[in-house]
Amino acid sequence: LTLNVGTIAGGDWPSNVPLECKVGFRMSFPVDWTAAQAQELITRRLD
């Protein structure tokens, strides 16, 4: 089971402080889990 950081986007100028950054992830989870279980795990960790 793995977590991949697949995309990242933020900032528009080297001399500006970036005000937003978006990161795209891909995570695998156990065969017998539902997607909702995996979503709950991620939400709890981010909180």
PDB file of all heavy atoms in Angstrom:
ATOM      1  N   LEU A   1       0.835  -1.192   0.000  1.00  0.00           N
ATOM      2  CA  LEU A   1       0.000   0.000   0.000  1.00  0.00           C
ATOM      3  C   LEU A   1       0.877   1.251   0.000  1.00  0.00           C
ATOM      4  O   LEU A   1       1.815   1.357   0.796  1.00  0.00           O
ATOM      5  CB  LEU A   1      -0.948  -0.005   1.200  1.00  0.00           C
ATOM      6  CG  LEU A   1      -1.874  -1.222   1.255  1.00  0.00           C
ATOM      7  CD1 LEU A   1      -2.625  -1.280   2.573  1.00  0.00           C
ATOM      8  CD2 LEU A   1      -2.853  -1.215   0.088  1.00  0.00           C
ATOM      9  N   THR A   2       0.582   2.195  -0.885  1.00  0.00           N
ATOM     10  CA  THR A   2       1.455   3.344  -1.095  1.00  0.00           C
ATOM     11  C   THR A   2       0.645   4.635  -1.210  1.00  0.00           C
ATOM     12  O   THR A   2      -0.556   4.615  -1.493  1.00  0.00           O
ATOM     13  CB  THR A   2       2.289   3.181  -2.379  1.00  0.00           C
ATOM     14  OG1 THR A   2       1.398   3.065  -3.498  1.00  0.00           O
ATOM     15  CG2 THR A   2       3.187   1.949  -2.310  1.00  0.00           C
ATOM     16  N   LEU A   3       1.364   5.759  -1.011  1.00  0.00           N
ATOM     17  CA  LEU A   3       0.817   7.092  -1.260  1.00  0.00           C
ATOM     18  C   LEU A   3       1.755   7.804  -2.218  1.00  0.00           C
ATOM     19  O   LEU A   3       2.967   7.862  -1.977  1.00  0.00           O
ATOM     20  CB  LEU A   3       0.705   7.880   0.048  1.00  0.00           C
ATOM     21  CG  LEU A   3       0.213   9.328  -0.089  1.00  0.00           C
ATOM     22  CD1 LEU A   3      -1.294   9.356  -0.278  1.00  0.00           C
ATOM     23  CD2 LEU A   3       0.593  10.156   1.132  1.00  0.00           C
ATOM     24  N   ASN A   4       1.211   8.336  -3.292  1.00  0.00           N
ATOM     25  CA  ASN A   4       2.012   9.046  -4.279  1.00  0.00           C
ATOM     26  C   ASN A   4       1.597  10.513  -4.344  1.00  0.00           C
ATOM     27  O   ASN A   4       0.410  10.828  -4.408  1.00  0.00           O
ATOM     28  CB  ASN A   4       1.829   8.418  -5.665  1.00  0.00           C
ATOM     29  CG  ASN A   4       2.701   9.093  -6.716  1.00  0.00           C
ATOM     30  OD1 ASN A   4       3.918   9.082  -6.603  1.00  0.00           O
ATOM     31  ND2 ASN A   4       2.084   9.696  -7.725  1.00  0.00           N
ATOM     32  N   VAL A   5       2.600  11.411  -4.302  1.00  0.00           N
ATOM     33  CA  VAL A   5       2.367  12.828  -4.578  1.00  0.00           C
ATOM     34  C   VAL A   5       2.543  13.000  -6.078  1.00  0.00           C
ATOM     35  O   VAL A   5       3.660  12.974  -6.593  1.00  0.00           O
ATOM     36  CB  VAL A   5       3.350  13.722  -3.801  1.00  0.00           C
ATOM     37  CG1 VAL A   5       3.048  15.191  -4.066  1.00  0.00           C
ATOM     38  CG2 VAL A   5       3.291  13.413  -2.309  1.00  0.00           C
ATOM     39  N   GLY A   6       1.421  13.148  -6.790  1.00  0.00           N
ATOM     40  CA  GLY A   6       1.477  13.103  -8.250  1.00  0.00           C
ATOM     41  C   GLY A   6       1.537  14.445  -8.927  1.00  0.00           C
ATOM     42  O   GLY A   6       2.140  14.582  -9.999  1.00  0.00           O
ATOM     43  N   THR A   7       0.938  15.484  -8.338  1.00  0.00           N
ATOM     44  CA  THR A   7       0.943  16.821  -8.934  1.00  0.00           C
ATOM     45  C   THR A   7       1.089  17.858  -7.826  1.00  0.00           C
ATOM     46  O   THR A   7       0.671  17.644  -6.690  1.00  0.00           O
ATOM     47  CB  THR A   7      -0.355  17.117  -9.710  1.00  0.00           C
ATOM     48  OG1 THR A   7      -1.474  17.094  -8.803  1.00  0.00           O
ATOM     49  CG2 THR A   7      -0.588  16.104 -10.829  1.00  0.00           C
ATOM     50  N   ILE A   8       1.694  19.002  -8.191  1.00  0.00           N
ATOM     51  CA  ILE A   8       1.765  20.134  -7.271  1.00  0.00           C
ATOM     52  C   ILE A   8       1.769  21.413  -8.104  1.00  0.00           C
ATOM     53  O   ILE A   8       2.441  21.493  -9.136  1.00  0.00           O
ATOM     54  CB  ILE A   8       3.002  20.054  -6.345  1.00  0.00           C
ATOM     55  CG1 ILE A   8       2.960  21.155  -5.292  1.00  0.00           C
ATOM     56  CG2 ILE A   8       4.296  20.065  -7.132  1.00  0.00           C
ATOM     57  CD1 ILE A   8       3.924  20.933  -4.134  1.00  0.00           C
ATOM     58  N   ALA A   9       0.977  22.392  -7.686  1.00  0.00           N
ATOM     59  CA  ALA A   9       0.879  23.653  -8.415  1.00  0.00           C
ATOM     60  C   ALA A   9       0.741  24.783  -7.405  1.00  0.00           C
ATOM     61  O   ALA A   9      -0.145  24.758  -6.548  1.00  0.00           O
ATOM     62  CB  ALA A   9      -0.326  23.642  -9.360  1.00  0.00           C
ATOM     63  N   GLY A  10       1.629  25.777  -7.504  1.00  0.00           N
ATOM     64  CA  GLY A  10       1.548  26.905  -6.594  1.00  0.00           C
ATOM     65  C   GLY A  10       2.466  28.016  -7.031  1.00  0.00           C
ATOM     66  O   GLY A  10       3.555  27.778  -7.554  1.00  0.00           O
ATOM     67  N   GLY A  11       2.033  29.247  -6.804  1.00  0.00           N
ATOM     68  CA  GLY A  11       2.870  30.404  -7.109  1.00  0.00           C
ATOM     69  C   GLY A  11       2.833  30.811  -8.563  1.00  0.00           C
ATOM     70  O   GLY A  11       2.471  30.023  -9.447  1.00  0.00           O
ATOM     71  N   ASP A  12       3.199  32.100  -8.788  1.00  0.00           N
ATOM     72  CA  ASP A  12       3.218  32.608 -10.161  1.00  0.00           C
ATOM     73  C   ASP A  12       4.425  33.492 -10.453  1.00  0.00           C
ATOM     74  O   ASP A  12       4.571  33.999 -11.558  1.00  0.00           O
ATOM     75  CB  ASP A  12       1.928  33.387 -10.451  1.00  0.00           C
ATOM     76  CG  ASP A  12       1.731  34.581  -9.509  1.00  0.00           C
ATOM     77  OD1 ASP A  12       2.595  34.815  -8.640  1.00  0.00           O
ATOM     78  OD2 ASP A  12       0.703  35.259  -9.626  1.00  0.00           O
ATOM     79  N   TRP A  13       5.326  33.682  -9.442  1.00  0.00           N
ATOM     80  CA  TRP A  13       6.454  34.590  -9.652  1.00  0.00           C
ATOM     81  C   TRP A  13       7.466  34.351  -8.546  1.00  0.00           C
ATOM     82  O   TRP A  13       7.083  34.257  -7.367  1.00  0.00           O
ATOM     83  CB  TRP A  13       5.949  36.036  -9.603  1.00  0.00           C
ATOM     84  CG  TRP A  13       6.919  37.079 -10.054  1.00  0.00           C
ATOM     85  CD1 TRP A  13       7.616  37.947  -9.259  1.00  0.00           C
ATOM     86  CD2 TRP A  13       7.287  37.388 -11.386  1.00  0.00           C
ATOM     87  NE1 TRP A  13       8.401  38.772 -10.008  1.00  0.00           N
ATOM     88  CE2 TRP A  13       8.211  38.453 -11.338  1.00  0.00           C
ATOM     89  CE3 TRP A  13       6.938  36.860 -12.643  1.00  0.00           C
ATOM     90  CZ2 TRP A  13       8.787  38.996 -12.485  1.00  0.00           C
ATOM     91  CZ3 TRP A  13       7.503  37.405 -13.774  1.00  0.00           C
ATOM     92  CH2 TRP A  13       8.425  38.464 -13.689  1.00  0.00           C
ATOM     93  N   PRO A  14       8.761  34.240  -8.858  1.00  0.00           N
ATOM     94  CA  PRO A  14       9.752  33.958  -7.813  1.00  0.00           C
ATOM     95  C   PRO A  14       9.792  34.988  -6.686  1.00  0.00           C
ATOM     96  O   PRO A  14      10.156  34.664  -5.559  1.00  0.00           O
ATOM     97  CB  PRO A  14      11.083  33.931  -8.582  1.00  0.00           C
ATOM     98  CG  PRO A  14      10.701  33.547  -9.968  1.00  0.00           C
ATOM     99  CD  PRO A  14       9.372  34.199 -10.208  1.00  0.00           C
ATOM    100  N   SER A  15       9.415  36.231  -6.973  1.00  0.00           N
ATOM    101  CA  SER A  15       9.457  37.272  -5.949  1.00  0.00           C
ATOM    102  C   SER A  15       8.098  37.527  -5.299  1.00  0.00           C
ATOM    103  O   SER A  15       7.942  38.505  -4.571  1.00  0.00           O
ATOM    104  CB  SER A  15       9.990  38.586  -6.546  1.00  0.00           C
ATOM    105  OG  SER A  15      11.369  38.481  -6.847  1.00  0.00           O
ATOM    106  N   ASN A  16       7.105  36.687  -5.583  1.00  0.00           N
ATOM    107  CA  ASN A  16       5.813  36.755  -4.905  1.00  0.00           C
ATOM    108  C   ASN A  16       5.686  35.605  -3.921  1.00  0.00           C
ATOM    109  O   ASN A  16       6.150  34.491  -4.186  1.00  0.00           O
ATOM    110  CB  ASN A  16       4.652  36.656  -5.905  1.00  0.00           C
ATOM    111  CG  ASN A  16       4.489  37.910  -6.738  1.00  0.00           C
ATOM    112  OD1 ASN A  16       5.094  38.936  -6.445  1.00  0.00           O
ATOM    113  ND2 ASN A  16       3.671  37.816  -7.786  1.00  0.00           N
ATOM    114  N   VAL A  17       5.029  35.861  -2.811  1.00  0.00           N
ATOM    115  CA  VAL A  17       4.712  34.787  -1.878  1.00  0.00           C
ATOM    116  C   VAL A  17       3.519  34.013  -2.427  1.00  0.00           C
ATOM    117  O   VAL A  17       2.457  34.605  -2.657  1.00  0.00           O
ATOM    118  CB  VAL A  17       4.372  35.342  -0.477  1.00  0.00           C
ATOM    119  CG1 VAL A  17       3.907  34.220   0.448  1.00  0.00           C
ATOM    120  CG2 VAL A  17       5.569  36.063   0.115  1.00  0.00           C
ATOM    121  N   PRO A  18       3.654  32.714  -2.671  1.00  0.00           N
ATOM    122  CA  PRO A  18       2.518  31.953  -3.209  1.00  0.00           C
ATOM    123  C   PRO A  18       1.385  31.884  -2.189  1.00  0.00           C
ATOM    124  O   PRO A  18       1.595  31.512  -1.030  1.00  0.00           O
ATOM    125  CB  PRO A  18       3.091  30.572  -3.512  1.00  0.00           C
ATOM    126  CG  PRO A  18       4.363  30.488  -2.757  1.00  0.00           C
ATOM    127  CD  PRO A  18       4.861  31.875  -2.566  1.00  0.00           C
ATOM    128  N   LEU A  19       0.196  32.262  -2.639  1.00  0.00           N
ATOM    129  CA  LEU A  19      -0.970  32.319  -1.756  1.00  0.00           C
ATOM    130  C   LEU A  19      -1.826  31.072  -1.845  1.00  0.00           C
ATOM    131  O   LEU A  19      -2.767  30.917  -1.068  1.00  0.00           O
ATOM    132  CB  LEU A  19      -1.823  33.540  -2.087  1.00  0.00           C
ATOM    133  CG  LEU A  19      -1.132  34.880  -1.882  1.00  0.00           C
ATOM    134  CD1 LEU A  19      -2.081  36.025  -2.204  1.00  0.00           C
ATOM    135  CD2 LEU A  19      -0.617  35.000  -0.467  1.00  0.00           C
ATOM    136  N   GLU A  20      -1.523  30.191  -2.783  1.00  0.00           N
ATOM    137  CA  GLU A  20      -2.289  28.946  -2.891  1.00  0.00           C
ATOM    138  C   GLU A  20      -1.383  27.862  -3.441  1.00  0.00           C
ATOM    139  O   GLU A  20      -0.551  28.119  -4.316  1.00  0.00           O
ATOM    140  CB  GLU A  20      -3.519  29.132  -3.789  1.00  0.00           C
ATOM    141  CG  GLU A  20      -4.465  27.954  -3.780  1.00  0.00           C
ATOM    142  CD  GLU A  20      -5.775  28.241  -4.508  1.00  0.00           C
ATOM    143  OE1 GLU A  20      -5.802  28.059  -5.746  1.00  0.00           O
ATOM    144  OE2 GLU A  20      -6.742  28.642  -3.841  1.00  0.00           O
ATOM    145  N   CYS A  21      -1.559  26.671  -2.946  1.00  0.00           N
ATOM    146  CA  CYS A  21      -0.831  25.512  -3.469  1.00  0.00           C
ATOM    147  C   CYS A  21      -1.773  24.323  -3.473  1.00  0.00           C
ATOM    148  O   CYS A  21      -2.421  24.027  -2.461  1.00  0.00           O
ATOM    149  CB  CYS A  21       0.388  25.214  -2.612  1.00  0.00           C
ATOM    150  SG  CYS A  21       1.402  23.844  -3.253  1.00  0.00           S
ATOM    151  N   LYS A  22      -1.868  23.658  -4.615  1.00  0.00           N
ATOM    152  CA  LYS A  22      -2.710  22.470  -4.769  1.00  0.00           C
ATOM    153  C   LYS A  22      -1.826  21.259  -4.997  1.00  0.00           C
ATOM    154  O   LYS A  22      -0.933  21.285  -5.842  1.00  0.00           O
ATOM    155  CB  LYS A  22      -3.677  22.630  -5.944  1.00  0.00           C
ATOM    156  CG  LYS A  22      -4.712  23.709  -5.750  1.00  0.00           C
ATOM    157  CD  LYS A  22      -5.695  23.765  -6.913  1.00  0.00           C
ATOM    158  CE  LYS A  22      -6.766  24.824  -6.667  1.00  0.00           C
ATOM    159  NZ  LYS A  22      -7.750  24.862  -7.771  1.00  0.00           N
ATOM    160  N   VAL A  23      -2.096  20.210  -4.244  1.00  0.00           N
ATOM    161  CA  VAL A  23      -1.308  18.981  -4.343  1.00  0.00           C
ATOM    162  C   VAL A  23      -2.254  17.822  -4.642  1.00  0.00           C
ATOM    163  O   VAL A  23      -3.269  17.647  -3.953  1.00  0.00           O
ATOM    164  CB  VAL A  23      -0.531  18.700  -3.036  1.00  0.00           C
ATOM    165  CG1 VAL A  23       0.389  17.498  -3.223  1.00  0.00           C
ATOM    166  CG2 VAL A  23       0.251  19.923  -2.588  1.00  0.00           C
ATOM    167  N   GLY A  24      -1.931  17.044  -5.668  1.00  0.00           N
ATOM    168  CA  GLY A  24      -2.735  15.887  -6.041  1.00  0.00           C
ATOM    169  C   GLY A  24      -2.089  14.595  -5.568  1.00  0.00           C
ATOM    170  O   GLY A  24      -0.880  14.378  -5.757  1.00  0.00           O
ATOM    171  N   PHE A  25      -2.874  13.732  -4.946  1.00  0.00           N
ATOM    172  CA  PHE A  25      -2.382  12.483  -4.364  1.00  0.00           C
ATOM    173  C   PHE A  25      -3.112  11.284  -4.952  1.00  0.00           C
ATOM    174  O   PHE A  25      -4.273  11.385  -5.354  1.00  0.00           O
ATOM    175  CB  PHE A  25      -2.631  12.458  -2.847  1.00  0.00           C
ATOM    176  CG  PHE A  25      -1.918  13.512  -2.064  1.00  0.00           C
ATOM    177  CD1 PHE A  25      -2.476  14.769  -1.898  1.00  0.00           C
ATOM    178  CD2 PHE A  25      -0.696  13.238  -1.457  1.00  0.00           C
ATOM    179  CE1 PHE A  25      -1.839  15.742  -1.142  1.00  0.00           C
ATOM    180  CE2 PHE A  25      -0.045  14.204  -0.706  1.00  0.00           C
ATOM    181  CZ  PHE A  25      -0.618  15.461  -0.546  1.00  0.00           C
ATOM    182  N   ARG A  26      -2.413  10.162  -4.915  1.00  0.00           N
ATOM    183  CA  ARG A  26      -3.017   8.861  -5.214  1.00  0.00           C
ATOM    184  C   ARG A  26      -2.630   7.924  -4.077  1.00  0.00           C
ATOM    185  O   ARG A  26      -1.449   7.769  -3.760  1.00  0.00           O
ATOM    186  CB  ARG A  26      -2.520   8.335  -6.555  1.00  0.00           C
ATOM    187  CG  ARG A  26      -3.018   6.925  -6.940  1.00  0.00           C
ATOM    188  CD  ARG A  26      -2.028   5.870  -6.524  1.00  0.00           C
ATOM    189  NE  ARG A  26      -2.260   4.582  -7.190  1.00  0.00           N
ATOM    190  CZ  ARG A  26      -1.811   3.418  -6.743  1.00  0.00           C
ATOM    191  NH1 ARG A  26      -1.100   3.361  -5.623  1.00  0.00           N
ATOM    192  NH2 ARG A  26      -2.042   2.310  -7.414  1.00  0.00           N
ATOM    193  N   MET A  27      -3.624   7.299  -3.451  1.00  0.00           N
ATOM    194  CA  MET A  27      -3.350   6.382  -2.355  1.00  0.00           C
ATOM    195  C   MET A  27      -4.050   5.056  -2.593  1.00  0.00           C
ATOM    196  O   MET A  27      -5.218   5.027  -2.998  1.00  0.00           O
ATOM    197  CB  MET A  27      -3.822   6.965  -1.019  1.00  0.00           C
ATOM    198  CG  MET A  27      -3.326   6.162   0.188  1.00  0.00           C
ATOM    199  SD  MET A  27      -3.954   6.759   1.776  1.00  0.00           S
ATOM    200  CE  MET A  27      -5.550   5.932   1.814  1.00  0.00           C
ATOM    201  N   SER A  28      -3.333   3.953  -2.350  1.00  0.00           N
ATOM    202  CA  SER A  28      -3.964   2.636  -2.415  1.00  0.00           C
ATOM    203  C   SER A  28      -4.407   2.223  -1.020  1.00  0.00           C
ATOM    204  O   SER A  28      -3.853   2.662  -0.008  1.00  0.00           O
ATOM    205  CB  SER A  28      -3.017   1.602  -3.020  1.00  0.00           C
ATOM    206  OG  SER A  28      -1.749   1.624  -2.390  1.00  0.00           O
ATOM    207  N   PHE A  29      -5.424   1.357  -0.973  1.00  0.00           N
ATOM    208  CA  PHE A  29      -5.982   0.930   0.309  1.00  0.00           C
ATOM    209  C   PHE A  29      -6.380  -0.537   0.232  1.00  0.00           C
ATOM    210  O   PHE A  29      -6.423  -1.127  -0.860  1.00  0.00           O
ATOM    211  CB  PHE A  29      -7.151   1.833   0.733  1.00  0.00           C
ATOM    212  CG  PHE A  29      -8.312   1.901  -0.228  1.00  0.00           C
ATOM    213  CD1 PHE A  29      -9.361   0.993  -0.157  1.00  0.00           C
ATOM    214  CD2 PHE A  29      -8.381   2.905  -1.194  1.00  0.00           C
ATOM    215  CE1 PHE A  29     -10.445   1.068  -1.017  1.00  0.00           C
ATOM    216  CE2 PHE A  29      -9.456   2.998  -2.064  1.00  0.00           C
ATOM    217  CZ  PHE A  29     -10.493   2.067  -1.975  1.00  0.00           C
ATOM    218  N   PRO A  30      -6.645  -1.174   1.379  1.00  0.00           N
ATOM    219  CA  PRO A  30      -6.852  -2.623   1.402  1.00  0.00           C
ATOM    220  C   PRO A  30      -7.991  -3.107   0.508  1.00  0.00           C
ATOM    221  O   PRO A  30      -8.988  -2.411   0.282  1.00  0.00           O
ATOM    222  CB  PRO A  30      -7.147  -2.909   2.884  1.00  0.00           C
ATOM    223  CG  PRO A  30      -6.435  -1.828   3.615  1.00  0.00           C
ATOM    224  CD  PRO A  30      -6.580  -0.603   2.741  1.00  0.00           C
ATOM    225  N   VAL A  31      -7.819  -4.336   0.036  1.00  0.00           N
ATOM    226  CA  VAL A  31      -8.764  -4.949  -0.900  1.00  0.00           C
ATOM    227  C   VAL A  31     -10.180  -4.977  -0.337  1.00  0.00           C
ATOM    228  O   VAL A  31     -11.146  -4.756  -1.070  1.00  0.00           O
ATOM    229  CB  VAL A  31      -8.295  -6.387  -1.240  1.00  0.00           C
ATOM    230  CG1 VAL A  31      -9.328  -7.116  -2.086  1.00  0.00           C
ATOM    231  CG2 VAL A  31      -6.954  -6.356  -1.950  1.00  0.00           C
ATOM    232  N   ASP A  32     -10.314  -5.237   0.955  1.00  0.00           N
ATOM    233  CA  ASP A  32     -11.643  -5.418   1.533  1.00  0.00           C
ATOM    234  C   ASP A  32     -12.241  -4.132   2.109  1.00  0.00           C
ATOM    235  O   ASP A  32     -13.284  -4.167   2.745  1.00  0.00           O
ATOM    236  CB  ASP A  32     -11.624  -6.509   2.607  1.00  0.00           C
ATOM    237  CG  ASP A  32     -10.587  -6.242   3.686  1.00  0.00           C
ATOM    238  OD1 ASP A  32      -9.811  -5.267   3.547  1.00  0.00           O
ATOM    239  OD2 ASP A  32     -10.547  -7.004   4.671  1.00  0.00           O
ATOM    240  N   TRP A  33     -11.584  -2.992   1.907  1.00  0.00           N
ATOM    241  CA  TRP A  33     -12.137  -1.711   2.350  1.00  0.00           C
ATOM    242  C   TRP A  33     -13.061  -1.135   1.282  1.00  0.00           C
ATOM    243  O   TRP A  33     -12.908  -1.401   0.085  1.00  0.00           O
ATOM    244  CB  TRP A  33     -11.028  -0.709   2.582  1.00  0.00           C
ATOM    245  CG  TRP A  33     -10.339  -0.793   3.902  1.00  0.00           C
ATOM    246  CD1 TRP A  33     -10.151  -1.904   4.670  1.00  0.00           C
ATOM    247  CD2 TRP A  33      -9.719   0.288   4.599  1.00  0.00           C
ATOM    248  NE1 TRP A  33      -9.453  -1.588   5.798  1.00  0.00           N
ATOM    249  CE2 TRP A  33      -9.175  -0.245   5.788  1.00  0.00           C
ATOM    250  CE3 TRP A  33      -9.565   1.643   4.343  1.00  0.00           C
ATOM    251  CZ2 TRP A  33      -8.492   0.535   6.715  1.00  0.00           C
ATOM    252  CZ3 TRP A  33      -8.882   2.429   5.259  1.00  0.00           C
ATOM    253  CH2 TRP A  33      -8.357   1.882   6.426  1.00  0.00           C
ATOM    254  N   THR A  34     -13.972  -0.286   1.715  1.00  0.00           N
ATOM    255  CA  THR A  34     -14.718   0.557   0.790  1.00  0.00           C
ATOM    256  C   THR A  34     -13.932   1.846   0.568  1.00  0.00           C
ATOM    257  O   THR A  34     -13.059   2.216   1.374  1.00  0.00           O
ATOM    258  CB  THR A  34     -16.099   0.919   1.355  1.00  0.00           C
ATOM    259  OG1 THR A  34     -15.933   1.723   2.534  1.00  0.00           O
ATOM    260  CG2 THR A  34     -16.909  -0.334   1.680  1.00  0.00           C
ATOM    261  N   ALA A  35     -14.259   2.544  -0.514  1.00  0.00           N
ATOM    262  CA  ALA A  35     -13.620   3.843  -0.750  1.00  0.00           C
ATOM    263  C   ALA A  35     -13.961   4.811   0.379  1.00  0.00           C
ATOM    264  O   ALA A  35     -13.128   5.643   0.767  1.00  0.00           O
ATOM    265  CB  ALA A  35     -14.071   4.396  -2.094  1.00  0.00           C
ATOM    266  N   ALA A  36     -15.171   4.703   0.929  1.00  0.00           N
ATOM    267  CA  ALA A  36     -15.573   5.596   2.018  1.00  0.00           C
ATOM    268  C   ALA A  36     -14.685   5.412   3.249  1.00  0.00           C
ATOM    269  O   ALA A  36     -14.370   6.389   3.951  1.00  0.00           O
ATOM    270  CB  ALA A  36     -17.034   5.348   2.380  1.00  0.00           C
ATOM    271  N   GLN A  37     -14.271   4.182   3.539  1.00  0.00           N
ATOM    272  CA  GLN A  37     -13.367   3.948   4.663  1.00  0.00           C
ATOM    273  C   GLN A  37     -12.029   4.651   4.442  1.00  0.00           C
ATOM    274  O   GLN A  37     -11.469   5.251   5.371  1.00  0.00           O
ATOM    275  CB  GLN A  37     -13.128   2.453   4.853  1.00  0.00           C
ATOM    276  CG  GLN A  37     -14.264   1.701   5.499  1.00  0.00           C
ATOM    277  CD  GLN A  37     -13.962   0.207   5.571  1.00  0.00           C
ATOM    278  OE1 GLN A  37     -14.190  -0.525   4.609  1.00  0.00           O
ATOM    279  NE2 GLN A  37     -13.452  -0.241   6.706  1.00  0.00           N
ATOM    280  N   ALA A  38     -11.517   4.563   3.228  1.00  0.00           N
ATOM    281  CA  ALA A  38     -10.248   5.215   2.921  1.00  0.00           C
ATOM    282  C   ALA A  38     -10.392   6.734   2.982  1.00  0.00           C
ATOM    283  O   ALA A  38      -9.501   7.440   3.479  1.00  0.00           O
ATOM    284  CB  ALA A  38      -9.749   4.773   1.551  1.00  0.00           C
ATOM    285  N   GLN A  39     -11.503   7.251   2.493  1.00  0.00           N
ATOM    286  CA  GLN A  39     -11.749   8.692   2.560  1.00  0.00           C
ATOM    287  C   GLN A  39     -11.811   9.173   4.010  1.00  0.00           C
ATOM    288  O   GLN A  39     -11.278  10.240   4.349  1.00  0.00           O
ATOM    289  CB  GLN A  39     -13.045   9.034   1.827  1.00  0.00           C
ATOM    290  CG  GLN A  39     -12.935   8.924   0.320  1.00  0.00           C
ATOM    291  CD  GLN A  39     -14.284   9.127  -0.367  1.00  0.00           C
ATOM    292  OE1 GLN A  39     -15.301   8.562   0.028  1.00  0.00           O
ATOM    293  NE2 GLN A  39     -14.291   9.949  -1.391  1.00  0.00           N
ATOM    294  N   GLU A  40     -12.437   8.384   4.864  1.00  0.00           N
ATOM    295  CA  GLU A  40     -12.535   8.759   6.274  1.00  0.00           C
ATOM    296  C   GLU A  40     -11.152   8.808   6.918  1.00  0.00           C
ATOM    297  O   GLU A  40     -10.841   9.723   7.707  1.00  0.00           O
ATOM    298  CB  GLU A  40     -13.421   7.762   7.017  1.00  0.00           C
ATOM    299  CG  GLU A  40     -13.633   8.103   8.487  1.00  0.00           C
ATOM    300  CD  GLU A  40     -14.482   7.072   9.209  1.00  0.00           C
ATOM    301  OE1 GLU A  40     -14.994   6.142   8.538  1.00  0.00           O
ATOM    302  OE2 GLU A  40     -14.616   7.196  10.436  1.00  0.00           O
ATOM    303  N   LEU A  41     -10.293   7.846   6.587  1.00  0.00           N
ATOM    304  CA  LEU A  41      -8.938   7.824   7.124  1.00  0.00           C
ATOM    305  C   LEU A  41      -8.170   9.076   6.705  1.00  0.00           C
ATOM    306  O   LEU A  41      -7.505   9.724   7.532  1.00  0.00           O
ATOM    307  CB  LEU A  41      -8.212   6.573   6.638  1.00  0.00           C
ATOM    308  CG  LEU A  41      -6.741   6.450   7.042  1.00  0.00           C
ATOM    309  CD1 LEU A  41      -6.602   6.189   8.532  1.00  0.00           C
ATOM    310  CD2 LEU A  41      -6.065   5.338   6.236  1.00  0.00           C
ATOM    311  N   ILE A  42      -8.242   9.434   5.443  1.00  0.00           N
ATOM    312  CA  ILE A  42      -7.527  10.609   4.928  1.00  0.00           C
ATOM    313  C   ILE A  42      -8.072  11.877   5.570  1.00  0.00           C
ATOM    314  O   ILE A  42      -7.301  12.770   5.970  1.00  0.00           O
ATOM    315  CB  ILE A  42      -7.649  10.661   3.390  1.00  0.00           C
ATOM    316  CG1 ILE A  42      -6.869   9.502   2.758  1.00  0.00           C
ATOM    317  CG2 ILE A  42      -7.166  12.000   2.852  1.00  0.00           C
ATOM    318  CD1 ILE A  42      -7.239   9.234   1.318  1.00  0.00           C
ATOM    319  N   THR A  43      -9.388  11.987   5.681  1.00  0.00           N
ATOM    320  CA  THR A  43      -9.996  13.175   6.278  1.00  0.00           C
ATOM    321  C   THR A  43      -9.553  13.350   7.729  1.00  0.00           C
ATOM    322  O   THR A  43      -9.204  14.457   8.165  1.00  0.00           O
ATOM    323  CB  THR A  43     -11.529  13.079   6.201  1.00  0.00           C
ATOM    324  OG1 THR A  43     -11.927  12.956   4.827  1.00  0.00           O
ATOM    325  CG2 THR A  43     -12.185  14.312   6.799  1.00  0.00           C
ATOM    326  N   ARG A  44      -9.537  12.255   8.487  1.00  0.00           N
ATOM    327  CA  ARG A  44      -9.104  12.324   9.887  1.00  0.00           C
ATOM    328  C   ARG A  44      -7.654  12.779   9.981  1.00  0.00           C
ATOM    329  O   ARG A  44      -7.302  13.607  10.828  1.00  0.00           O
ATOM    330  CB  ARG A  44      -9.251  10.960  10.567  1.00  0.00           C
ATOM    331  CG  ARG A  44     -10.671  10.585  10.917  1.00  0.00           C
ATOM    332  CD  ARG A  44     -10.678   9.506  12.018  1.00  0.00           C
ATOM    333  NE  ARG A  44      -9.736   8.428  11.778  1.00  0.00           N
ATOM    334  CZ  ARG A  44     -10.037   7.284  11.168  1.00  0.00           C
ATOM    335  NH1 ARG A  44     -11.264   7.083  10.705  1.00  0.00           N
ATOM    336  NH2 ARG A  44      -9.120   6.337  11.001  1.00  0.00           N
ATOM    337  N   ARG A  45      -6.801  12.229   9.125  1.00  0.00           N
ATOM    338  CA  ARG A  45      -5.386  12.600   9.177  1.00  0.00           C
ATOM    339  C   ARG A  45      -5.207  14.078   8.808  1.00  0.00           C
ATOM    340  O   ARG A  45      -4.432  14.790   9.463  1.00  0.00           O
ATOM    341  CB  ARG A  45      -4.570  11.715   8.230  1.00  0.00           C
ATOM    342  CG  ARG A  45      -3.092  12.105   8.119  1.00  0.00           C
ATOM    343  CD  ARG A  45      -2.349  12.015   9.455  1.00  0.00           C
ATOM    344  NE  ARG A  45      -2.286  10.660   9.933  1.00  0.00           N
ATOM    345  CZ  ARG A  45      -1.319   9.798   9.588  1.00  0.00           C
ATOM    346  NH1 ARG A  45      -0.332  10.181   8.790  1.00  0.00           N
ATOM    347  NH2 ARG A  45      -1.325   8.574  10.076  1.00  0.00           N
ATOM    348  N   LEU A  46      -5.898  14.546   7.787  1.00  0.00           N
ATOM    349  CA  LEU A  46      -5.763  15.950   7.388  1.00  0.00           C
ATOM    350  C   LEU A  46      -6.289  16.881   8.479  1.00  0.00           C
ATOM    351  O   LEU A  46      -5.694  17.939   8.745  1.00  0.00           O
ATOM    352  CB  LEU A  46      -6.494  16.195   6.066  1.00  0.00           C
ATOM    353  CG  LEU A  46      -6.214  17.535   5.394  1.00  0.00           C
ATOM    354  CD1 LEU A  46      -4.731  17.683   5.062  1.00  0.00           C
ATOM    355  CD2 LEU A  46      -7.045  17.674   4.118  1.00  0.00           C
ATOM    356  N   ASP A  47      -7.383  16.493   9.122  1.00  0.00           N
ATOM    357  CA  ASP A  47      -7.902  17.289  10.237  1.00  0.00           C
ATOM    358  C   ASP A  47      -6.879  17.361  11.375  1.00  0.00           C
ATOM    359  O   ASP A  47      -6.691  18.416  12.003  1.00  0.00           O
ATOM    360  CB  ASP A  47      -9.209  16.692  10.764  1.00  0.00           C
ATOM    361  CG  ASP A  47     -10.394  16.921   9.834  1.00  0.00           C
ATOM    362  OD1 ASP A  47     -10.272  17.767   8.924  1.00  0.00           O
ATOM    363  OD2 ASP A  47     -11.429  16.255  10.020  1.00  0.00           O
TER     364      ASP A  47
END
